[in-house]
Amino acid sequence: MTERHTRFDEALALHRRHSVVDGHADSILQVLEGKRSLVERSDQGHLDFPRAREGGLTATIQTAWPAPVSYPVAAGRVLQQIDGLLGQIESSGDRARLALSAADVRRCQADDRLAVVLNVEGAEPLHGELALLRVLYRLGVRVLQLVWNHRNEAADGIVEEHGRGGLSAFGRALVGEMNRLGMALDLSHLNQPGFFEVLELSADPVLFTHGNCRALFDHRRNLTDEQIRALAAGGGVFGISVVDAFMGEDHGDYRRVADHVDHAVQLVGPEHVGYGSDFDGTDRLPRGLEGVSQLPNLTAELLGRGYDEPSLAKILGGNYLRVFERVFGA
């Protein structure tokens, strides 16, 4: 039985009143393996459409990711996953909808539906061609990470965190084309030189959808205070993940996730912090956050620490929606 905060019901009611956006999940992978569906409630994995609504989620950024073994055929692998996600949405009986704009997310909130925003994790499926980026955009992809962990044709991932490499010429062109199309850049997994280079180049605010604070735990996937401040200075949003391994070597609980939210808010205010779970992308989750339906535990903990409703409304989804409006259009 999962832990339940004493203010869980109060937090869930807060979720129902506001748009709640989760910045990153990898839920299609188990669907393609034949293990489950996103349309039906499952006891496998961390997120499906019914459990997302049970937890008061308005929007999930769902990811198509070509694992390293698929890099030579990354475009095909990502198209297969996008097809899978679109198929799950189509099979949902209008319980989930593809979202292409901030207005789409708000309509889902009003209609008690789940908005699904499509993300591609890594530029590998572009194979060095901006034309393939435009194809992904036409298919409904609105967020793209430049890298996963490895060096690719656009940039260096965090495996190269001590290297000097930032963006390639193709990576710089990719930033410009994403700005032109109206696609949000996600800097998760990018090494520090590339991170700061994107902030200099991008005309739009950018996202860092799933990571934690390096000041609290020194993990290469986490952001330094300097990076968090720079992201906020450009109007961006830092999505705090629930990946236990990013926050400590022991097994923690939702209170430790709240510590990372607190640290980021103390640095840059509630206007630049959000949730970015990485559900279905990790095997180790904190106690009390074993799946998306337990997400109100985190909000309840923040309520208990004195966060007021206007600040929580920004953290829960308002900050993502601000960036969506600027990048995708209202």
C-alpha atoms as a PDB file:
ATOM      1  CA  MET A   1       0.000   0.000   0.000  1.00  0.00           C
ATOM      2  CA  THR A   2       1.493   3.334  -1.061  1.00  0.00           C
ATOM      3  CA  GLU A   3       2.062   6.141   1.407  1.00  0.00           C
ATOM      4  CA  ARG A   4      -0.692   8.756   1.442  1.00  0.00           C
ATOM      5  CA  HIS A   5      -0.138  12.303   2.698  1.00  0.00           C
ATOM      6  CA  THR A   6      -2.697  13.619   5.171  1.00  0.00           C
ATOM      7  CA  ARG A   7      -3.452  16.471   2.707  1.00  0.00           C
ATOM      8  CA  PHE A   8      -3.732  14.192  -0.338  1.00  0.00           C
ATOM      9  CA  ASP A   9      -7.432  14.914  -0.954  1.00  0.00           C
ATOM     10  CA  GLU A  10      -6.838  18.659  -0.645  1.00  0.00           C
ATOM     11  CA  ALA A  11      -4.000  18.385  -3.178  1.00  0.00           C
ATOM     12  CA  LEU A  12      -6.127  16.331  -5.571  1.00  0.00           C
ATOM     13  CA  ALA A  13      -8.867  18.977  -5.400  1.00  0.00           C
ATOM     14  CA  LEU A  14      -6.204  21.557  -6.267  1.00  0.00           C
ATOM     15  CA  HIS A  15      -5.195  19.434  -9.273  1.00  0.00           C
ATOM     16  CA  ARG A  16      -8.826  19.416 -10.418  1.00  0.00           C
ATOM     17  CA  ARG A  17      -8.976  23.232 -10.295  1.00  0.00           C
ATOM     18  CA  HIS A  18      -5.813  23.861 -12.325  1.00  0.00           C
ATOM     19  CA  SER A  19      -3.995  22.572 -15.369  1.00  0.00           C
ATOM     20  CA  VAL A  20      -1.449  19.971 -14.243  1.00  0.00           C
ATOM     21  CA  VAL A  21       1.318  19.166 -16.739  1.00  0.00           C
ATOM     22  CA  ASP A  22       3.891  16.395 -16.366  1.00  0.00           C
ATOM     23  CA  GLY A  23       6.948  17.167 -18.440  1.00  0.00           C
ATOM     24  CA  HIS A  24       8.206  13.708 -19.426  1.00  0.00           C
ATOM     25  CA  ALA A  25       7.092  10.065 -19.578  1.00  0.00           C
ATOM     26  CA  ASP A  26       8.112   7.020 -21.642  1.00  0.00           C
ATOM     27  CA  SER A  27       4.883   5.053 -21.434  1.00  0.00           C
ATOM     28  CA  ILE A  28       4.611   3.847 -25.049  1.00  0.00           C
ATOM     29  CA  LEU A  29       7.587   1.495 -24.693  1.00  0.00           C
ATOM     30  CA  GLN A  30       5.713  -1.159 -22.715  1.00  0.00           C
ATOM     31  CA  VAL A  31       2.727  -0.838 -25.044  1.00  0.00           C
ATOM     32  CA  LEU A  32       4.860  -1.710 -28.053  1.00  0.00           C
ATOM     33  CA  GLU A  33       6.273  -4.663 -26.121  1.00  0.00           C
ATOM     34  CA  GLY A  34       2.708  -5.934 -25.768  1.00  0.00           C
ATOM     35  CA  LYS A  35       2.689  -5.652 -21.977  1.00  0.00           C
ATOM     36  CA  ARG A  36      -0.214  -3.234 -21.551  1.00  0.00           C
ATOM     37  CA  SER A  37      -2.351  -0.480 -23.035  1.00  0.00           C
ATOM     38  CA  LEU A  38      -2.492   3.199 -22.131  1.00  0.00           C
ATOM     39  CA  VAL A  39      -6.242   3.200 -22.661  1.00  0.00           C
ATOM     40  CA  GLU A  40      -7.021   0.719 -19.879  1.00  0.00           C
ATOM     41  CA  ARG A  41      -6.002   1.032 -16.250  1.00  0.00           C
ATOM     42  CA  SER A  42      -3.053  -1.264 -15.561  1.00  0.00           C
ATOM     43  CA  ASP A  43      -1.058  -2.397 -12.553  1.00  0.00           C
ATOM     44  CA  GLN A  44       2.061  -2.370 -14.745  1.00  0.00           C
ATOM     45  CA  GLY A  45       4.175   0.670 -15.442  1.00  0.00           C
ATOM     46  CA  HIS A  46       3.684   4.096 -13.939  1.00  0.00           C
ATOM     47  CA  LEU A  47       1.262   5.953 -16.211  1.00  0.00           C
ATOM     48  CA  ASP A  48      -1.763   5.209 -18.323  1.00  0.00           C
ATOM     49  CA  PHE A  49      -4.647   7.466 -19.289  1.00  0.00           C
ATOM     50  CA  PRO A  50      -7.053   6.389 -16.489  1.00  0.00           C
ATOM     51  CA  ARG A  51      -4.415   6.652 -13.752  1.00  0.00           C
ATOM     52  CA  ALA A  52      -3.314  10.035 -15.098  1.00  0.00           C
ATOM     53  CA  ARG A  53      -6.820  11.384 -14.691  1.00  0.00           C
ATOM     54  CA  GLU A  54      -7.123   9.748 -11.244  1.00  0.00           C
ATOM     55  CA  GLY A  55      -4.080  11.778 -10.213  1.00  0.00           C
ATOM     56  CA  GLY A  56      -5.561  14.986 -11.600  1.00  0.00           C
ATOM     57  CA  LEU A  57      -3.169  15.227 -14.546  1.00  0.00           C
ATOM     58  CA  THR A  58      -4.263  17.497 -17.395  1.00  0.00           C
ATOM     59  CA  ALA A  59      -1.379  16.914 -19.791  1.00  0.00           C
ATOM     60  CA  THR A  60       1.393  14.370 -20.213  1.00  0.00           C
ATOM     61  CA  ILE A  61       4.385  14.958 -22.466  1.00  0.00           C
ATOM     62  CA  GLN A  62       4.835  11.496 -23.956  1.00  0.00           C
ATOM     63  CA  THR A  63       8.129  10.526 -25.502  1.00  0.00           C
ATOM     64  CA  ALA A  64       9.299   8.617 -28.538  1.00  0.00           C
ATOM     65  CA  TRP A  65      12.832   7.442 -27.844  1.00  0.00           C
ATOM     66  CA  PRO A  66      15.138   5.430 -30.109  1.00  0.00           C
ATOM     67  CA  ALA A  67      17.303   3.346 -27.784  1.00  0.00           C
ATOM     68  CA  PRO A  68      21.005   3.207 -28.762  1.00  0.00           C
ATOM     69  CA  VAL A  69      20.536  -0.190 -30.397  1.00  0.00           C
ATOM     70  CA  SER A  70      18.124   1.529 -32.820  1.00  0.00           C
ATOM     71  CA  TYR A  71      20.292   4.522 -33.700  1.00  0.00           C
ATOM     72  CA  PRO A  72      21.057   3.304 -37.263  1.00  0.00           C
ATOM     73  CA  VAL A  73      17.293   3.133 -37.917  1.00  0.00           C
ATOM     74  CA  ALA A  74      16.231   5.798 -35.423  1.00  0.00           C
ATOM     75  CA  ALA A  75      13.693   7.466 -37.717  1.00  0.00           C
ATOM     76  CA  GLY A  76      11.791   4.233 -38.226  1.00  0.00           C
ATOM     77  CA  ARG A  77      11.817   3.396 -34.524  1.00  0.00           C
ATOM     78  CA  VAL A  78      10.516   6.840 -33.560  1.00  0.00           C
ATOM     79  CA  LEU A  79       7.795   6.752 -36.219  1.00  0.00           C
ATOM     80  CA  GLN A  80       6.689   3.391 -34.846  1.00  0.00           C
ATOM     81  CA  GLN A  81       6.386   4.892 -31.356  1.00  0.00           C
ATOM     82  CA  ILE A  82       4.551   7.992 -32.605  1.00  0.00           C
ATOM     83  CA  ASP A  83       2.155   5.718 -34.472  1.00  0.00           C
ATOM     84  CA  GLY A  84       1.655   3.792 -31.235  1.00  0.00           C
ATOM     85  CA  LEU A  85       0.926   6.931 -29.230  1.00  0.00           C
ATOM     86  CA  LEU A  86      -1.482   8.290 -31.823  1.00  0.00           C
ATOM     87  CA  GLY A  87      -3.178   4.904 -31.946  1.00  0.00           C
ATOM     88  CA  GLN A  88      -3.632   4.875 -28.178  1.00  0.00           C
ATOM     89  CA  ILE A  89      -5.148   8.365 -28.314  1.00  0.00           C
ATOM     90  CA  GLU A  90      -7.497   7.328 -31.126  1.00  0.00           C
ATOM     91  CA  SER A  91      -8.561   4.237 -29.155  1.00  0.00           C
ATOM     92  CA  SER A  92      -9.299   6.192 -25.993  1.00  0.00           C
ATOM     93  CA  GLY A  93     -12.861   7.157 -26.907  1.00  0.00           C
ATOM     94  CA  ASP A  94     -11.949  10.856 -26.585  1.00  0.00           C
ATOM     95  CA  ARG A  95     -10.648  10.346 -23.053  1.00  0.00           C
ATOM     96  CA  ALA A  96      -7.254  11.525 -24.367  1.00  0.00           C
ATOM     97  CA  ARG A  97      -6.524  14.048 -27.093  1.00  0.00           C
ATOM     98  CA  LEU A  98      -3.422  15.101 -29.014  1.00  0.00           C
ATOM     99  CA  ALA A  99      -2.463  18.637 -27.945  1.00  0.00           C
ATOM    100  CA  LEU A 100      -0.744  20.978 -30.390  1.00  0.00           C
ATOM    101  CA  SER A 101      -1.136  24.231 -28.455  1.00  0.00           C
ATOM    102  CA  ALA A 102      -1.671  25.712 -25.023  1.00  0.00           C
ATOM    103  CA  ALA A 103      -5.322  26.207 -25.982  1.00  0.00           C
ATOM    104  CA  ASP A 104      -5.653  22.465 -26.629  1.00  0.00           C
ATOM    105  CA  VAL A 105      -4.386  21.736 -23.111  1.00  0.00           C
ATOM    106  CA  ARG A 106      -6.816  24.224 -21.590  1.00  0.00           C
ATOM    107  CA  ARG A 107      -9.711  22.710 -23.553  1.00  0.00           C
ATOM    108  CA  CYS A 108      -8.788  19.309 -22.158  1.00  0.00           C
ATOM    109  CA  GLN A 109      -8.837  20.771 -18.655  1.00  0.00           C
ATOM    110  CA  ALA A 110     -12.293  22.250 -19.274  1.00  0.00           C
ATOM    111  CA  ASP A 111     -13.620  19.015 -20.824  1.00  0.00           C
ATOM    112  CA  ASP A 112     -12.095  16.667 -18.207  1.00  0.00           C
ATOM    113  CA  ARG A 113      -9.873  15.002 -20.814  1.00  0.00           C
ATOM    114  CA  LEU A 114      -6.168  14.135 -20.853  1.00  0.00           C
ATOM    115  CA  ALA A 115      -3.960  16.138 -23.225  1.00  0.00           C
ATOM    116  CA  VAL A 116      -1.040  14.298 -24.808  1.00  0.00           C
ATOM    117  CA  VAL A 117       1.902  16.358 -26.084  1.00  0.00           C
ATOM    118  CA  LEU A 118       4.404  14.480 -28.253  1.00  0.00           C
ATOM    119  CA  ASN A 119       8.153  14.651 -27.625  1.00  0.00           C
ATOM    120  CA  VAL A 120      11.102  13.031 -29.392  1.00  0.00           C
ATOM    121  CA  GLU A 121      14.067  12.254 -27.145  1.00  0.00           C
ATOM    122  CA  GLY A 122      17.262  12.875 -29.105  1.00  0.00           C
ATOM    123  CA  ALA A 123      18.031  14.151 -32.604  1.00  0.00           C
ATOM    124  CA  GLU A 124      19.113  10.707 -33.842  1.00  0.00           C
ATOM    125  CA  PRO A 125      15.883  10.159 -35.874  1.00  0.00           C
ATOM    126  CA  LEU A 126      16.625  13.285 -37.894  1.00  0.00           C
ATOM    127  CA  HIS A 127      19.759  11.670 -39.362  1.00  0.00           C
ATOM    128  CA  GLY A 128      21.185  15.139 -39.939  1.00  0.00           C
ATOM    129  CA  GLU A 129      18.199  16.310 -42.026  1.00  0.00           C
ATOM    130  CA  LEU A 130      16.025  19.264 -41.030  1.00  0.00           C
ATOM    131  CA  ALA A 131      13.383  17.960 -43.436  1.00  0.00           C
ATOM    132  CA  LEU A 132      12.750  15.091 -41.012  1.00  0.00           C
ATOM    133  CA  LEU A 133      12.202  17.612 -38.213  1.00  0.00           C
ATOM    134  CA  ARG A 134       9.483  19.205 -40.324  1.00  0.00           C
ATOM    135  CA  VAL A 135       7.904  15.781 -40.895  1.00  0.00           C
ATOM    136  CA  LEU A 136       7.814  15.193 -37.129  1.00  0.00           C
ATOM    137  CA  TYR A 137       6.204  18.589 -36.648  1.00  0.00           C
ATOM    138  CA  ARG A 138       3.498  17.744 -39.200  1.00  0.00           C
ATOM    139  CA  LEU A 139       2.830  14.508 -37.302  1.00  0.00           C
ATOM    140  CA  GLY A 140       2.166  16.523 -34.152  1.00  0.00           C
ATOM    141  CA  VAL A 141       5.525  16.500 -32.349  1.00  0.00           C
ATOM    142  CA  ARG A 142       5.895  19.757 -30.424  1.00  0.00           C
ATOM    143  CA  VAL A 143       8.892  19.048 -28.142  1.00  0.00           C
ATOM    144  CA  LEU A 144      12.328  17.683 -29.054  1.00  0.00           C
ATOM    145  CA  GLN A 145      15.393  16.923 -26.964  1.00  0.00           C
ATOM    146  CA  LEU A 146      18.651  17.441 -28.792  1.00  0.00           C
ATOM    147  CA  VAL A 147      20.272  14.421 -27.151  1.00  0.00           C
ATOM    148  CA  TRP A 148      19.677  11.452 -24.904  1.00  0.00           C
ATOM    149  CA  ASN A 149      23.023  10.589 -23.272  1.00  0.00           C
ATOM    150  CA  HIS A 150      25.341  10.187 -26.228  1.00  0.00           C
ATOM    151  CA  ARG A 151      26.978  12.439 -28.770  1.00  0.00           C
ATOM    152  CA  ASN A 152      24.948  12.708 -31.942  1.00  0.00           C
ATOM    153  CA  GLU A 153      24.898  14.893 -35.047  1.00  0.00           C
ATOM    154  CA  ALA A 154      23.421  17.823 -33.104  1.00  0.00           C
ATOM    155  CA  ALA A 155      25.268  17.960 -29.780  1.00  0.00           C
ATOM    156  CA  ASP A 156      27.029  16.145 -26.938  1.00  0.00           C
ATOM    157  CA  GLY A 157      25.043  14.372 -24.246  1.00  0.00           C
ATOM    158  CA  ILE A 158      25.940  14.152 -20.579  1.00  0.00           C
ATOM    159  CA  VAL A 159      28.213  11.177 -21.230  1.00  0.00           C
ATOM    160  CA  GLU A 160      30.499  13.921 -22.586  1.00  0.00           C
ATOM    161  CA  GLU A 161      29.888  16.218 -19.608  1.00  0.00           C
ATOM    162  CA  HIS A 162      33.594  16.939 -19.136  1.00  0.00           C
ATOM    163  CA  GLY A 163      34.226  17.571 -22.816  1.00  0.00           C
ATOM    164  CA  ARG A 164      34.259  20.966 -24.455  1.00  0.00           C
ATOM    165  CA  GLY A 165      31.876  20.085 -27.263  1.00  0.00           C
ATOM    166  CA  GLY A 166      28.644  22.011 -27.459  1.00  0.00           C
ATOM    167  CA  LEU A 167      26.412  22.154 -30.514  1.00  0.00           C
ATOM    168  CA  SER A 168      27.490  21.119 -34.000  1.00  0.00           C
ATOM    169  CA  ALA A 169      26.676  23.230 -37.065  1.00  0.00           C
ATOM    170  CA  PHE A 170      23.653  20.975 -37.547  1.00  0.00           C
ATOM    171  CA  GLY A 171      22.677  21.472 -33.913  1.00  0.00           C
ATOM    172  CA  ARG A 172      22.757  25.242 -34.308  1.00  0.00           C
ATOM    173  CA  ALA A 173      20.645  25.017 -37.451  1.00  0.00           C
ATOM    174  CA  LEU A 174      18.249  22.717 -35.590  1.00  0.00           C
ATOM    175  CA  VAL A 175      17.728  25.300 -32.832  1.00  0.00           C
ATOM    176  CA  GLY A 176      16.886  27.928 -35.430  1.00  0.00           C
ATOM    177  CA  GLU A 177      14.470  25.678 -37.305  1.00  0.00           C
ATOM    178  CA  MET A 178      12.693  24.633 -34.119  1.00  0.00           C
ATOM    179  CA  ASN A 179      12.257  28.300 -33.222  1.00  0.00           C
ATOM    180  CA  ARG A 180      10.839  28.965 -36.689  1.00  0.00           C
ATOM    181  CA  LEU A 181       8.420  26.037 -36.627  1.00  0.00           C
ATOM    182  CA  GLY A 182       7.237  26.561 -33.070  1.00  0.00           C
ATOM    183  CA  MET A 183       8.726  23.522 -31.342  1.00  0.00           C
ATOM    184  CA  ALA A 184       9.955  23.577 -27.760  1.00  0.00           C
ATOM    185  CA  LEU A 185      13.599  22.717 -27.123  1.00  0.00           C
ATOM    186  CA  ASP A 186      14.195  20.320 -24.248  1.00  0.00           C
ATOM    187  CA  LEU A 187      17.726  20.510 -22.820  1.00  0.00           C
ATOM    188  CA  SER A 188      17.468  17.381 -20.651  1.00  0.00           C
ATOM    189  CA  HIS A 189      20.535  15.129 -20.988  1.00  0.00           C
ATOM    190  CA  LEU A 190      22.549  17.880 -22.746  1.00  0.00           C
ATOM    191  CA  ASN A 191      26.061  18.579 -21.479  1.00  0.00           C
ATOM    192  CA  GLN A 192      26.884  21.962 -19.992  1.00  0.00           C
ATOM    193  CA  PRO A 193      28.572  23.604 -23.006  1.00  0.00           C
ATOM    194  CA  GLY A 194      25.606  22.689 -25.199  1.00  0.00           C
ATOM    195  CA  PHE A 195      23.137  23.783 -22.523  1.00  0.00           C
ATOM    196  CA  PHE A 196      24.527  27.298 -22.338  1.00  0.00           C
ATOM    197  CA  GLU A 197      24.968  27.532 -26.110  1.00  0.00           C
ATOM    198  CA  VAL A 198      21.280  26.760 -26.685  1.00  0.00           C
ATOM    199  CA  LEU A 199      20.293  29.435 -24.169  1.00  0.00           C
ATOM    200  CA  GLU A 200      22.336  31.947 -26.148  1.00  0.00           C
ATOM    201  CA  LEU A 201      20.934  30.879 -29.514  1.00  0.00           C
ATOM    202  CA  SER A 202      17.256  30.244 -28.883  1.00  0.00           C
ATOM    203  CA  ALA A 203      14.827  33.054 -29.498  1.00  0.00           C
ATOM    204  CA  ASP A 204      12.244  31.221 -27.377  1.00  0.00           C
ATOM    205  CA  PRO A 205      12.244  30.018 -23.764  1.00  0.00           C
ATOM    206  CA  VAL A 206      13.373  26.410 -23.432  1.00  0.00           C
ATOM    207  CA  LEU A 207      12.492  23.463 -21.221  1.00  0.00           C
ATOM    208  CA  PHE A 208      14.503  21.117 -19.062  1.00  0.00           C
ATOM    209  CA  THR A 209      11.754  18.584 -18.510  1.00  0.00           C
ATOM    210  CA  HIS A 210      13.238  15.935 -16.230  1.00  0.00           C
ATOM    211  CA  GLY A 211      16.113  16.264 -13.829  1.00  0.00           C
ATOM    212  CA  ASN A 212      16.986  17.392 -10.320  1.00  0.00           C
ATOM    213  CA  CYS A 213      19.271  19.758  -8.413  1.00  0.00           C
ATOM    214  CA  ARG A 214      22.984  19.008  -8.326  1.00  0.00           C
ATOM    215  CA  ALA A 215      23.411  21.099  -5.182  1.00  0.00           C
ATOM    216  CA  LEU A 216      21.364  18.461  -3.332  1.00  0.00           C
ATOM    217  CA  PHE A 217      22.818  15.380  -5.050  1.00  0.00           C
ATOM    218  CA  ASP A 218      25.830  15.336  -7.356  1.00  0.00           C
ATOM    219  CA  HIS A 219      24.546  13.351 -10.328  1.00  0.00           C
ATOM    220  CA  ARG A 220      25.514  14.185 -13.900  1.00  0.00           C
ATOM    221  CA  ARG A 221      21.851  14.341 -14.953  1.00  0.00           C
ATOM    222  CA  ASN A 222      21.179  17.153 -12.466  1.00  0.00           C
ATOM    223  CA  LEU A 223      21.467  20.895 -12.996  1.00  0.00           C
ATOM    224  CA  THR A 224      23.848  23.171 -11.154  1.00  0.00           C
ATOM    225  CA  ASP A 225      22.491  26.315  -9.533  1.00  0.00           C
ATOM    226  CA  GLU A 226      24.150  28.317 -12.313  1.00  0.00           C
ATOM    227  CA  GLN A 227      22.244  26.321 -14.932  1.00  0.00           C
ATOM    228  CA  ILE A 228      18.928  26.676 -13.092  1.00  0.00           C
ATOM    229  CA  ARG A 229      19.364  30.451 -12.875  1.00  0.00           C
ATOM    230  CA  ALA A 230      20.345  30.698 -16.548  1.00  0.00           C
ATOM    231  CA  LEU A 231      17.348  28.603 -17.624  1.00  0.00           C
ATOM    232  CA  ALA A 232      15.021  30.856 -15.635  1.00  0.00           C
ATOM    233  CA  ALA A 233      16.645  34.038 -16.928  1.00  0.00           C
ATOM    234  CA  GLY A 234      15.607  32.981 -20.425  1.00  0.00           C
ATOM    235  CA  GLY A 235      12.034  32.322 -19.307  1.00  0.00           C
ATOM    236  CA  GLY A 236      12.412  28.538 -19.225  1.00  0.00           C
ATOM    237  CA  VAL A 237      10.960  25.811 -17.005  1.00  0.00           C
ATOM    238  CA  PHE A 238      12.808  23.211 -14.917  1.00  0.00           C
ATOM    239  CA  GLY A 239      10.802  19.995 -14.547  1.00  0.00           C
ATOM    240  CA  ILE A 240      11.711  18.173 -11.334  1.00  0.00           C
ATOM    241  CA  SER A 241      11.865  14.411 -11.871  1.00  0.00           C
ATOM    242  CA  VAL A 242      10.874  11.639  -9.488  1.00  0.00           C
ATOM    243  CA  VAL A 243      13.800   9.390 -10.462  1.00  0.00           C
ATOM    244  CA  ASP A 244      15.089   8.156  -7.122  1.00  0.00           C
ATOM    245  CA  ALA A 245      18.623   7.600  -8.425  1.00  0.00           C
ATOM    246  CA  PHE A 246      18.945  11.320  -9.266  1.00  0.00           C
ATOM    247  CA  MET A 247      18.332  12.249  -5.632  1.00  0.00           C
ATOM    248  CA  GLY A 248      20.329   9.783  -3.552  1.00  0.00           C
ATOM    249  CA  GLU A 249      21.869   6.353  -3.285  1.00  0.00           C
ATOM    250  CA  ASP A 250      19.238   5.177  -0.795  1.00  0.00           C
ATOM    251  CA  HIS A 251      15.503   4.769  -1.348  1.00  0.00           C
ATOM    252  CA  GLY A 252      13.739   8.036  -0.592  1.00  0.00           C
ATOM    253  CA  ASP A 253      10.143   9.218  -0.636  1.00  0.00           C
ATOM    254  CA  TYR A 254       8.078  12.087  -2.037  1.00  0.00           C
ATOM    255  CA  ARG A 255       9.478  14.442   0.610  1.00  0.00           C
ATOM    256  CA  ARG A 256      12.884  14.236  -1.050  1.00  0.00           C
ATOM    257  CA  VAL A 257      11.342  15.224  -4.377  1.00  0.00           C
ATOM    258  CA  ALA A 258       9.780  18.200  -2.611  1.00  0.00           C
ATOM    259  CA  ASP A 259      13.276  19.154  -1.378  1.00  0.00           C
ATOM    260  CA  HIS A 260      14.353  19.536  -5.012  1.00  0.00           C
ATOM    261  CA  VAL A 261      11.272  21.593  -5.863  1.00  0.00           C
ATOM    262  CA  ASP A 262      12.032  23.770  -2.812  1.00  0.00           C
ATOM    263  CA  HIS A 263      15.662  24.279  -3.790  1.00  0.00           C
ATOM    264  CA  ALA A 264      14.785  25.339  -7.333  1.00  0.00           C
ATOM    265  CA  VAL A 265      12.026  27.663  -6.132  1.00  0.00           C
ATOM    266  CA  GLN A 266      14.393  29.295  -3.637  1.00  0.00           C
ATOM    267  CA  LEU A 267      16.783  29.972  -6.515  1.00  0.00           C
ATOM    268  CA  VAL A 268      14.404  31.257  -9.199  1.00  0.00           C
ATOM    269  CA  GLY A 269      10.915  31.494  -7.730  1.00  0.00           C
ATOM    270  CA  PRO A 270       7.835  29.400  -8.527  1.00  0.00           C
ATOM    271  CA  GLU A 271       7.591  30.892 -12.044  1.00  0.00           C
ATOM    272  CA  HIS A 272      10.225  28.570 -13.513  1.00  0.00           C
ATOM    273  CA  VAL A 273       9.676  25.200 -11.817  1.00  0.00           C
ATOM    274  CA  GLY A 274       7.388  22.326 -12.775  1.00  0.00           C
ATOM    275  CA  TYR A 275       6.910  18.572 -12.531  1.00  0.00           C
ATOM    276  CA  GLY A 276       8.803  16.291 -14.919  1.00  0.00           C
ATOM    277  CA  SER A 277       8.387  12.791 -13.562  1.00  0.00           C
ATOM    278  CA  ASP A 278      10.164  10.526 -16.083  1.00  0.00           C
ATOM    279  CA  PHE A 279       7.482   7.925 -15.323  1.00  0.00           C
ATOM    280  CA  ASP A 280       8.057   4.653 -17.188  1.00  0.00           C
ATOM    281  CA  GLY A 281      11.658   5.709 -17.799  1.00  0.00           C
ATOM    282  CA  THR A 282      13.078   4.421 -14.523  1.00  0.00           C
ATOM    283  CA  ASP A 283      12.836   1.314 -12.368  1.00  0.00           C
ATOM    284  CA  ARG A 284      13.270   3.103  -9.040  1.00  0.00           C
ATOM    285  CA  LEU A 285      10.654   5.539  -7.789  1.00  0.00           C
ATOM    286  CA  PRO A 286      10.335   7.247  -4.392  1.00  0.00           C
ATOM    287  CA  ARG A 287       7.897   5.874  -1.856  1.00  0.00           C
ATOM    288  CA  GLY A 288       4.553   7.561  -2.256  1.00  0.00           C
ATOM    289  CA  LEU A 289       5.191   8.308  -5.938  1.00  0.00           C
ATOM    290  CA  GLU A 290       4.968   4.798  -7.370  1.00  0.00           C
ATOM    291  CA  GLY A 291       2.798   6.042 -10.227  1.00  0.00           C
ATOM    292  CA  VAL A 292       1.025   9.047 -11.650  1.00  0.00           C
ATOM    293  CA  SER A 293      -2.085   8.569  -9.504  1.00  0.00           C
ATOM    294  CA  GLN A 294       0.103   9.300  -6.440  1.00  0.00           C
ATOM    295  CA  LEU A 295       1.308  12.657  -7.782  1.00  0.00           C
ATOM    296  CA  PRO A 296      -0.965  14.563  -5.345  1.00  0.00           C
ATOM    297  CA  ASN A 297       1.330  13.320  -2.559  1.00  0.00           C
ATOM    298  CA  LEU A 298       4.024  15.672  -3.871  1.00  0.00           C
ATOM    299  CA  THR A 299       1.619  18.599  -4.105  1.00  0.00           C
ATOM    300  CA  ALA A 300       0.295  17.797  -0.620  1.00  0.00           C
ATOM    301  CA  GLU A 301       3.833  17.950   0.748  1.00  0.00           C
ATOM    302  CA  LEU A 302       4.322  21.361  -0.852  1.00  0.00           C
ATOM    303  CA  LEU A 303       1.044  22.527   0.691  1.00  0.00           C
ATOM    304  CA  GLY A 304       2.361  21.360   4.039  1.00  0.00           C
ATOM    305  CA  ARG A 305       5.505  23.423   3.516  1.00  0.00           C
ATOM    306  CA  GLY A 306       3.471  26.589   3.061  1.00  0.00           C
ATOM    307  CA  TYR A 307       3.125  26.882  -0.712  1.00  0.00           C
ATOM    308  CA  ASP A 308       0.029  28.903  -1.575  1.00  0.00           C
ATOM    309  CA  GLU A 309      -2.394  28.115  -4.381  1.00  0.00           C
ATOM    310  CA  PRO A 310      -1.165  30.776  -6.861  1.00  0.00           C
ATOM    311  CA  SER A 311       2.408  29.487  -6.578  1.00  0.00           C
ATOM    312  CA  LEU A 312       1.313  25.868  -6.902  1.00  0.00           C
ATOM    313  CA  ALA A 313      -0.825  26.701  -9.938  1.00  0.00           C
ATOM    314  CA  LYS A 314       2.351  27.872 -11.682  1.00  0.00           C
ATOM    315  CA  ILE A 315       4.371  24.812 -10.640  1.00  0.00           C
ATOM    316  CA  LEU A 316       1.611  22.339 -11.484  1.00  0.00           C
ATOM    317  CA  GLY A 317       1.175  23.503 -15.056  1.00  0.00           C
ATOM    318  CA  GLY A 318       0.977  27.247 -15.468  1.00  0.00           C
ATOM    319  CA  ASN A 319       4.677  27.587 -16.211  1.00  0.00           C
ATOM    320  CA  TYR A 320       4.596  24.947 -18.951  1.00  0.00           C
ATOM    321  CA  LEU A 321       1.506  26.594 -20.444  1.00  0.00           C
ATOM    322  CA  ARG A 322       3.292  29.953 -20.528  1.00  0.00           C
ATOM    323  CA  VAL A 323       6.103  28.423 -22.579  1.00  0.00           C
ATOM    324  CA  PHE A 324       3.639  26.514 -24.769  1.00  0.00           C
ATOM    325  CA  GLU A 325       1.823  29.768 -25.547  1.00  0.00           C
ATOM    326  CA  ARG A 326       5.055  31.497 -26.476  1.00  0.00           C
ATOM    327  CA  VAL A 327       6.451  28.617 -28.552  1.00  0.00           C
ATOM    328  CA  PHE A 328       3.437  26.737 -29.994  1.00  0.00           C
ATOM    329  CA  GLY A 329       1.044  29.666 -30.096  1.00  0.00           C
ATOM    330  CA  ALA A 330      -1.959  30.349 -27.896  1.00  0.00           C
END
